[in-house]
Each structure stands twice: as structure tokens, then as C-alpha cells.
């Protein structure tokens, strides 16, 4: 059971890193630091979009429009940390 918790914890951590990378890349593109016409940047951006957008889309539907600010990655990271901590608390109470 511990190995399953370890795996879930690491998957959540990896997904949080992907969310952060996606947010940072979107900022770099918005401020013209990186060019999306570069094939490598384009592939990385497409990968990050395809991995993170399915989880962010439902949150964006619920959130009101805040202008140019997108806080959905922050909310998703908080939810993932909450789920991870809840998972460990439930396991600790069962053990």
C-alpha cells in the first residue's frame, strides 16, 4: 500500500511541475521572450497544453472572468496538494 501511495504522490508532484512549466511558458510567450514558431518551443507548448488543459478547463468554466489573470493553475495546485494530504491522512488513520 505504501508503494501505491508513493506512486500517487510522485504523479501528483510531477503534474504540479507540469502545471508550473505550462504557466511559465505561457508568460514567456506572452512577453515575447520565446517564439512559438520555433519547433521545439511549439512542441513543448503543445505537450504542456494537452497535458494540463483537461484538468484546467472545468476550473476555468466555474471561475469568473478576472481580466487577463488566470488563477486556475493555482486553484488546481491547491486542490492537488489537498488531495495528496487527504490521501496520507486517510492512510494514516487506516494503519
Foldseek 3Di string as FASTA:
>chain_A
DVVVLVVLVVVLVVLLVLLVVQVVLVVCVVVVVDDCVPVVSVVSNVVSCVSPVVVQVVVVVPDDDPDPDDCSSVVVNVVSVVVSVVVVVVVVVVD
